[in-house]
Amino acid sequence: MKPWFLAAATMAVLTACGGDGGADRASDTGAASRSSGAVDLTGAGATFPYPIYSKWFSDYAAATGVRINYQSIGSGGGIRQLSERTIDFGASDSPMTDEELGKAKGGPVLHIPTVIGAVAVTYNLPGLPAPVKLTGEVLGDIFLGKITKWNDARLAALNPGVALPARDILVVHRSDGSGTTYIFTDYLSAVSRAWAGGPGRGKEVQWPVGLGGKGNEGVAGQVKQTPGAIGYVELAYAKQNRLAVAALRNSAGNFVTPSVESATAAAAGAVEKLGPNTDYRISIVNAPGADAYPLSSFTWILVYENQPDSVKGRKIVDFLRWALTSGGQQAAALDYAPLPAALTPQLEQRLASIKLGASGG
């Protein structure tokens, strides 16, 4: 793990964890920071992009002096706090629903995509010679509790010549409201009728089986320490914890592992259909393309279109412009795919539409 990420992650744990009170504590911390002048902007939300956001905020502070306090509390918490206007911006891997948008107290919310990430299906089966191959249907049945052994006939058929152990499968899922869960269940809903008709898609679902872990970190930790476990985490967390990742069969019939390149391939087809007036709340799971990784997604920063404080509003817009250019150049090194270049002018127009109020804060 890189030193800057370890230090930032430690700070996030100290300020954002603590069970059910984590979201409230993040709000209280942000409010205290604003009143003391310790930070310029406060944000909260997704753990999925936390590795790159942490790096961005550190680099941006060094370059501009603008300090951003971000609490990695999960997409659900970020949406709630933005809706209550206790933070300056939110972050989510699941687009806000129409109902959530209607409840936001600050008016229209804009979804600004920042990078493309891949959700890795991770597992703990030491000694296998190659990544386990899975289809969406089989993965859905594992998380439904219908496939309970690693040497099940359906798994063996997908992995000929691999000596899968006669070990129980332990499902690990998120325990908190999670954009990573939304991406995962969005994918399962697209490829598994049984899943679509049961738990379905959402930041929080009724899991039929398994153990919960808080945040991407919690799921990665559970899988790492439990032989036979299977879970889902953002790719950077899988790599940092040296977890094995599965190859998923995509819509073209090819088995693909998560990577910057395969996530980029998943976004390519979708981006061609986007225009300047889109709200960017789109799904790219199970995307077409021979090399597309099917569990890929945009992740978004959420901001109010109408910014009552012109000073803070300008700082948010300036940071997002930096993220689209200088920040995007850092994405691949942290296992995220940068946004396609064709999106930049469209997003510049979207940022220009943000209305800055007259207040100086």
Protein backbone atom coordinates (compact mmCIF):
# COMPACT_ATOMS: atom_id res chain seq x y z
CA MET A 1 0.00 0.00 0.00
CA LYS A 2 1.34 3.42 -0.92
CA PRO A 3 2.38 5.61 2.08
CA TRP A 4 0.08 8.51 1.14
CA PHE A 5 -2.88 6.14 0.91
CA LEU A 6 -2.10 4.51 4.25
CA ALA A 7 -1.93 7.86 6.01
CA ALA A 8 -5.13 9.08 4.38
CA ALA A 9 -6.94 5.84 5.11
CA THR A 10 -5.90 6.04 8.76
CA MET A 11 -7.30 9.56 8.98
CA ALA A 12 -10.55 8.43 7.34
CA VAL A 13 -10.91 5.61 9.87
CA LEU A 14 -10.36 7.97 12.77
CA THR A 15 -12.94 10.45 11.53
CA ALA A 16 -15.53 8.37 9.72
CA CYS A 17 -15.91 5.01 11.43
CA GLY A 18 -17.65 4.04 14.61
CA GLY A 19 -20.66 2.00 13.61
CA ASP A 20 -24.03 3.60 13.05
CA GLY A 21 -22.80 7.00 14.16
CA GLY A 22 -20.19 7.28 11.41
CA ALA A 23 -22.30 9.40 9.07
CA ASP A 24 -23.37 11.77 11.84
CA ARG A 25 -19.80 12.03 13.11
CA ALA A 26 -18.62 12.90 9.61
CA SER A 27 -21.20 15.68 9.50
CA ASP A 28 -20.18 16.98 12.92
CA THR A 29 -16.50 16.88 11.99
CA GLY A 30 -17.17 18.75 8.77
CA ALA A 31 -19.20 21.40 10.57
CA ALA A 32 -16.48 21.88 13.17
CA SER A 33 -13.85 22.13 10.46
CA ARG A 34 -15.82 24.78 8.60
CA SER A 35 -16.33 26.86 11.70
CA SER A 36 -12.66 26.70 12.63
CA GLY A 37 -11.47 27.49 9.12
CA ALA A 38 -9.46 24.26 8.99
CA VAL A 39 -10.80 23.27 5.56
CA ASP A 40 -12.29 25.03 2.57
CA LEU A 41 -14.71 22.32 1.40
CA THR A 42 -16.28 19.25 2.98
CA GLY A 43 -17.51 16.18 1.16
CA ALA A 44 -18.62 12.66 2.02
CA GLY A 45 -19.70 9.47 0.33
CA ALA A 46 -18.38 6.59 -1.72
CA THR A 47 -15.53 4.36 -0.59
CA PHE A 48 -15.20 3.00 -4.16
CA PRO A 49 -13.21 6.06 -5.43
CA TYR A 50 -11.59 6.90 -2.09
CA PRO A 51 -8.04 5.88 -3.11
CA ILE A 52 -7.99 8.32 -6.02
CA TYR A 53 -10.02 11.05 -4.31
CA SER A 54 -7.64 11.01 -1.37
CA LYS A 55 -4.71 11.50 -3.74
CA TRP A 56 -6.54 14.22 -5.64
CA PHE A 57 -7.41 16.20 -2.53
CA SER A 58 -3.84 15.99 -1.27
CA ASP A 59 -2.34 17.07 -4.59
CA TYR A 60 -4.90 19.82 -5.09
CA ALA A 61 -4.19 21.27 -1.66
CA ALA A 62 -0.47 21.29 -2.44
CA ALA A 63 -1.06 23.01 -5.78
CA THR A 64 -3.71 25.55 -4.80
CA GLY A 65 -3.91 25.75 -1.00
CA VAL A 66 -7.56 24.69 -1.12
CA ARG A 67 -8.15 22.06 1.55
CA ILE A 68 -10.88 19.45 1.11
CA ASN A 69 -12.06 17.21 3.95
CA TYR A 70 -13.64 14.03 2.57
CA GLN A 71 -15.28 11.35 4.70
CA SER A 72 -15.35 7.87 3.13
CA ILE A 73 -18.68 6.72 4.61
CA GLY A 74 -20.39 5.02 1.65
CA SER A 75 -22.55 6.32 -1.18
CA GLY A 76 -25.76 6.15 0.87
CA GLY A 77 -24.29 8.36 3.56
CA GLY A 78 -22.97 10.82 0.99
CA ILE A 79 -26.37 11.15 -0.68
CA ARG A 80 -28.10 11.64 2.68
CA GLN A 81 -25.67 14.31 3.84
CA LEU A 82 -25.80 16.18 0.53
CA SER A 83 -29.60 16.04 0.61
CA GLU A 84 -29.57 17.55 4.12
CA ARG A 85 -26.98 20.14 3.02
CA THR A 86 -24.53 19.26 5.80
CA ILE A 87 -21.66 18.94 3.27
CA ASP A 88 -20.56 20.92 0.24
CA PHE A 89 -20.54 17.96 -2.17
CA GLY A 90 -21.34 14.27 -2.14
CA ALA A 91 -19.86 11.27 -3.89
CA SER A 92 -21.62 8.14 -5.08
CA ASP A 93 -21.13 5.11 -7.29
CA SER A 94 -24.90 4.75 -7.65
CA PRO A 95 -26.80 7.56 -9.35
CA MET A 96 -29.43 9.23 -7.22
CA THR A 97 -32.96 8.05 -7.91
CA ASP A 98 -35.67 10.46 -8.97
CA GLU A 99 -37.11 10.13 -5.47
CA GLU A 100 -33.77 11.01 -3.88
CA LEU A 101 -33.34 13.95 -6.23
CA GLY A 102 -36.78 15.21 -5.25
CA LYS A 103 -35.86 15.16 -1.55
CA ALA A 104 -32.61 17.11 -1.95
CA LYS A 105 -33.05 20.37 -0.03
CA GLY A 106 -30.80 22.46 -2.23
CA GLY A 107 -32.64 22.00 -5.51
CA PRO A 108 -31.35 20.25 -8.65
CA VAL A 109 -28.34 17.98 -8.15
CA LEU A 110 -25.80 17.47 -10.94
CA HIS A 111 -23.98 14.16 -11.42
CA ILE A 112 -20.40 14.80 -12.53
CA PRO A 113 -18.61 11.59 -13.55
CA THR A 114 -14.98 11.58 -12.42
CA VAL A 115 -13.42 8.22 -13.31
CA ILE A 116 -14.44 4.72 -14.37
CA GLY A 117 -13.88 1.90 -11.92
CA ALA A 118 -14.15 -1.86 -11.95
CA VAL A 119 -15.73 -3.94 -9.19
CA ALA A 120 -13.65 -7.06 -8.71
CA VAL A 121 -15.16 -10.36 -7.57
CA THR A 122 -12.56 -11.49 -5.04
CA TYR A 123 -12.12 -14.88 -3.43
CA ASN A 124 -9.82 -16.75 -1.05
CA LEU A 125 -8.74 -20.04 -2.63
CA PRO A 126 -4.96 -20.36 -2.31
CA GLY A 127 -3.00 -22.36 -4.84
CA LEU A 128 -5.21 -22.16 -7.93
CA PRO A 129 -3.20 -21.78 -11.15
CA ALA A 130 -5.50 -19.25 -12.86
CA PRO A 131 -8.40 -16.91 -12.06
CA VAL A 132 -11.68 -18.67 -11.36
CA LYS A 133 -14.10 -18.20 -14.26
CA LEU A 134 -17.66 -17.16 -13.48
CA THR A 135 -20.78 -16.26 -15.41
CA GLY A 136 -23.31 -13.77 -14.16
CA GLU A 137 -25.89 -16.49 -13.63
CA VAL A 138 -23.53 -18.63 -11.54
CA LEU A 139 -22.35 -15.62 -9.55
CA GLY A 140 -25.96 -14.69 -8.85
CA ASP A 141 -26.73 -18.19 -7.62
CA ILE A 142 -23.68 -18.10 -5.31
CA PHE A 143 -24.93 -14.88 -3.70
CA LEU A 144 -28.46 -16.30 -3.57
CA GLY A 145 -27.12 -19.27 -1.60
CA LYS A 146 -28.04 -21.78 -4.31
CA ILE A 147 -24.41 -22.78 -4.97
CA THR A 148 -22.68 -23.51 -1.68
CA LYS A 149 -19.52 -25.51 -2.56
CA TRP A 150 -16.52 -24.45 -4.61
CA ASN A 151 -16.47 -27.81 -6.41
CA ASP A 152 -20.13 -27.50 -7.46
CA ALA A 153 -20.74 -29.03 -10.91
CA ARG A 154 -21.60 -25.68 -12.49
CA LEU A 155 -18.36 -24.12 -11.25
CA ALA A 156 -16.37 -27.16 -12.34
CA ALA A 157 -17.87 -26.95 -15.84
CA LEU A 158 -16.71 -23.33 -16.18
CA ASN A 159 -13.22 -24.22 -14.95
CA PRO A 160 -12.17 -27.47 -16.67
CA GLY A 161 -8.89 -28.90 -15.47
CA VAL A 162 -8.91 -26.81 -12.28
CA ALA A 163 -9.02 -28.74 -9.01
CA LEU A 164 -11.59 -26.67 -7.17
CA PRO A 165 -11.69 -27.62 -3.48
CA ALA A 166 -14.65 -29.26 -1.76
CA ARG A 167 -14.87 -26.22 0.51
CA ASP A 168 -17.92 -24.28 1.62
CA ILE A 169 -18.41 -20.91 -0.08
CA LEU A 170 -18.72 -18.02 2.38
CA VAL A 171 -20.40 -14.98 0.82
CA VAL A 172 -19.21 -11.57 2.02
CA HIS A 173 -21.20 -8.45 1.14
CA ARG A 174 -21.43 -4.84 2.25
CA SER A 175 -23.23 -4.06 5.48
CA ASP A 176 -23.66 -0.34 4.75
CA GLY A 177 -25.47 1.59 2.04
CA SER A 178 -23.03 1.25 -0.80
CA GLY A 179 -22.53 2.36 -4.37
CA THR A 180 -20.29 -0.66 -4.86
CA THR A 181 -23.27 -2.80 -3.88
CA TYR A 182 -25.41 -0.88 -6.35
CA ILE A 183 -22.96 -1.62 -9.19
CA PHE A 184 -22.73 -5.29 -8.18
CA THR A 185 -26.50 -5.78 -7.88
CA ASP A 186 -27.12 -3.73 -11.03
CA TYR A 187 -24.92 -6.23 -12.86
CA LEU A 188 -26.57 -9.27 -11.27
CA SER A 189 -30.00 -7.86 -12.12
CA ALA A 190 -28.92 -7.49 -15.75
CA VAL A 191 -27.57 -11.04 -16.11
CA SER A 192 -29.56 -13.18 -13.66
CA ARG A 193 -33.33 -13.47 -13.80
CA ALA A 194 -33.33 -15.11 -10.39
CA TRP A 195 -31.48 -12.15 -8.89
CA ALA A 196 -33.59 -9.56 -10.70
CA GLY A 197 -36.72 -11.19 -9.35
CA GLY A 198 -35.34 -11.45 -5.80
CA PRO A 199 -33.02 -9.00 -4.09
CA GLY A 200 -32.80 -6.79 -7.21
CA ARG A 201 -30.59 -3.71 -7.48
CA GLY A 202 -29.90 -1.09 -4.85
CA LYS A 203 -27.38 0.47 -2.51
CA GLU A 204 -28.87 -1.78 0.18
CA VAL A 205 -30.63 -5.10 -0.51
CA GLN A 206 -31.92 -8.02 1.52
CA TRP A 207 -29.03 -10.46 1.26
CA PRO A 208 -30.19 -14.09 1.32
CA VAL A 209 -26.88 -15.35 2.74
CA GLY A 210 -23.48 -14.18 3.89
CA LEU A 211 -21.58 -11.91 6.23
CA GLY A 212 -21.45 -8.12 6.07
CA GLY A 213 -18.37 -5.91 5.99
CA LYS A 214 -18.33 -2.13 6.36
CA GLY A 215 -16.92 -0.36 3.35
CA ASN A 216 -14.74 -1.79 0.61
CA GLU A 217 -12.07 -2.13 3.30
CA GLY A 218 -14.29 -4.32 5.47
CA VAL A 219 -15.24 -6.69 2.65
CA ALA A 220 -11.62 -6.97 1.48
CA GLY A 221 -10.52 -7.74 5.05
CA GLN A 222 -13.16 -10.43 5.54
CA VAL A 223 -12.27 -12.16 2.27
CA LYS A 224 -8.54 -11.96 2.95
CA GLN A 225 -8.78 -13.64 6.34
CA THR A 226 -11.40 -16.29 5.49
CA PRO A 227 -10.51 -19.30 3.30
CA GLY A 228 -13.38 -20.10 0.95
CA ALA A 229 -14.79 -16.56 1.04
CA ILE A 230 -16.06 -14.63 -1.98
CA GLY A 231 -16.91 -10.93 -2.09
CA TYR A 232 -16.86 -7.81 -4.25
CA VAL A 233 -14.66 -4.74 -3.90
CA GLU A 234 -13.33 -1.92 -6.04
CA LEU A 235 -10.28 -3.09 -7.98
CA ALA A 236 -7.79 -0.92 -6.07
CA TYR A 237 -8.79 -2.60 -2.80
CA ALA A 238 -8.34 -6.06 -4.33
CA LYS A 239 -4.86 -5.15 -5.54
CA GLN A 240 -3.78 -3.49 -2.31
CA ASN A 241 -4.86 -6.56 -0.34
CA ARG A 242 -3.35 -8.97 -2.92
CA LEU A 243 -6.68 -10.73 -3.38
CA ALA A 244 -7.39 -13.12 -6.24
CA VAL A 245 -9.97 -11.81 -8.71
CA ALA A 246 -12.35 -13.79 -10.91
CA ALA A 247 -12.70 -13.62 -14.68
CA LEU A 248 -16.31 -12.80 -15.62
CA ARG A 249 -17.95 -13.76 -18.89
CA ASN A 250 -18.97 -10.60 -20.71
CA SER A 251 -21.79 -10.00 -23.17
CA ALA A 252 -19.53 -11.09 -26.06
CA GLY A 253 -18.95 -14.45 -24.36
CA ASN A 254 -15.33 -13.77 -23.34
CA PHE A 255 -13.94 -14.21 -19.84
CA VAL A 256 -12.35 -10.93 -18.76
CA THR A 257 -10.58 -9.86 -15.57
CA PRO A 258 -10.90 -6.33 -14.17
CA SER A 259 -8.31 -3.81 -15.31
CA VAL A 260 -8.00 -0.21 -16.41
CA GLU A 261 -8.12 -1.37 -20.02
CA SER A 262 -11.19 -3.59 -19.66
CA ALA A 263 -13.07 -0.88 -17.73
CA THR A 264 -12.21 1.62 -20.46
CA ALA A 265 -13.55 -0.83 -23.05
CA ALA A 266 -16.81 -1.09 -21.11
CA ALA A 267 -17.29 2.70 -21.20
CA ALA A 268 -16.43 3.13 -24.87
CA GLY A 269 -19.79 2.14 -26.30
CA ALA A 270 -21.83 4.07 -23.76
CA VAL A 271 -19.94 7.33 -24.20
CA GLU A 272 -20.73 7.43 -27.92
CA LYS A 273 -24.41 7.79 -27.02
CA LEU A 274 -23.98 10.65 -24.56
CA GLY A 275 -24.85 14.21 -25.49
CA PRO A 276 -24.27 17.55 -23.74
CA ASN A 277 -27.76 17.49 -22.19
CA THR A 278 -27.51 14.07 -20.56
CA ASP A 279 -27.68 13.86 -16.78
CA TYR A 280 -24.96 11.15 -16.83
CA ARG A 281 -26.96 8.77 -14.64
CA ILE A 282 -26.16 5.81 -16.87
CA SER A 283 -25.15 2.21 -16.28
CA ILE A 284 -22.33 0.51 -18.19
CA VAL A 285 -22.61 -2.94 -16.59
CA ASN A 286 -22.57 -5.87 -19.03
CA ALA A 287 -21.56 -3.45 -21.78
CA PRO A 288 -20.96 -4.63 -25.35
CA GLY A 289 -17.44 -5.21 -26.59
CA ALA A 290 -15.08 -8.14 -26.85
CA ASP A 291 -12.73 -6.74 -24.19
CA ALA A 292 -15.29 -5.06 -21.91
CA TYR A 293 -15.25 -6.00 -18.23
CA PRO A 294 -18.93 -6.40 -17.30
CA LEU A 295 -18.71 -5.07 -13.73
CA SER A 296 -17.61 -1.52 -14.57
CA SER A 297 -19.16 1.82 -13.68
CA PHE A 298 -18.75 5.55 -13.62
CA THR A 299 -18.45 7.12 -10.20
CA TRP A 300 -19.87 10.58 -9.61
CA ILE A 301 -19.35 13.71 -7.54
CA LEU A 302 -22.72 15.21 -6.65
CA VAL A 303 -23.13 19.00 -6.50
CA TYR A 304 -26.04 21.38 -6.34
CA GLU A 305 -26.67 23.27 -9.55
CA ASN A 306 -27.48 26.37 -7.51
CA GLN A 307 -24.62 27.25 -5.17
CA PRO A 308 -25.79 29.81 -2.55
CA ASP A 309 -22.22 30.61 -1.49
CA SER A 310 -20.30 32.03 -4.44
CA VAL A 311 -16.89 31.46 -2.81
CA LYS A 312 -17.48 27.79 -2.05
CA GLY A 313 -19.27 27.29 -5.33
CA ARG A 314 -16.29 28.64 -7.25
CA LYS A 315 -13.92 26.38 -5.31
CA ILE A 316 -16.05 23.32 -6.15
CA VAL A 317 -16.15 24.22 -9.85
CA ASP A 318 -12.41 24.94 -9.96
CA PHE A 319 -11.61 21.62 -8.29
CA LEU A 320 -13.84 19.67 -10.66
CA ARG A 321 -12.20 21.33 -13.67
CA TRP A 322 -8.81 20.32 -12.27
CA ALA A 323 -10.07 16.77 -11.69
CA LEU A 324 -11.18 16.48 -15.34
CA THR A 325 -7.70 17.39 -16.56
CA SER A 326 -4.78 17.01 -14.16
CA GLY A 327 -6.65 14.57 -11.92
CA GLY A 328 -7.60 12.30 -14.79
CA GLN A 329 -3.95 11.82 -15.65
CA GLN A 330 -3.45 10.04 -12.31
CA ALA A 331 -6.31 7.56 -12.74
CA ALA A 332 -4.55 4.62 -14.36
CA ALA A 333 -1.75 4.53 -11.78
CA LEU A 334 -4.42 4.00 -9.10
CA ASP A 335 -6.33 1.31 -11.04
CA TYR A 336 -9.11 3.53 -12.34
CA ALA A 337 -9.84 4.33 -15.98
CA PRO A 338 -9.82 8.01 -16.91
CA LEU A 339 -12.90 9.46 -18.56
CA PRO A 340 -12.85 9.33 -22.37
CA ALA A 341 -11.50 12.56 -23.85
CA ALA A 342 -14.76 13.05 -25.75
CA LEU A 343 -16.54 13.68 -22.45
CA THR A 344 -14.35 16.60 -21.36
CA PRO A 345 -16.00 19.38 -23.42
CA GLN A 346 -19.46 18.12 -22.45
CA LEU A 347 -18.57 18.16 -18.76
CA GLU A 348 -17.00 21.60 -19.12
CA GLN A 349 -20.38 22.80 -20.35
CA ARG A 350 -22.07 21.12 -17.42
CA LEU A 351 -19.73 22.83 -14.93
CA ALA A 352 -20.37 26.16 -16.62
CA SER A 353 -24.08 25.70 -15.90
CA ILE A 354 -23.52 25.79 -12.12
CA LYS A 355 -24.98 29.01 -10.76
CA LEU A 356 -22.96 30.83 -8.11
CA GLY A 357 -24.81 32.84 -5.45
CA ALA A 358 -23.87 36.23 -4.11
CA SER A 359 -22.98 35.16 -0.56
CA GLY A 360 -19.38 35.17 0.54
CA GLY A 361 -20.05 32.52 3.20
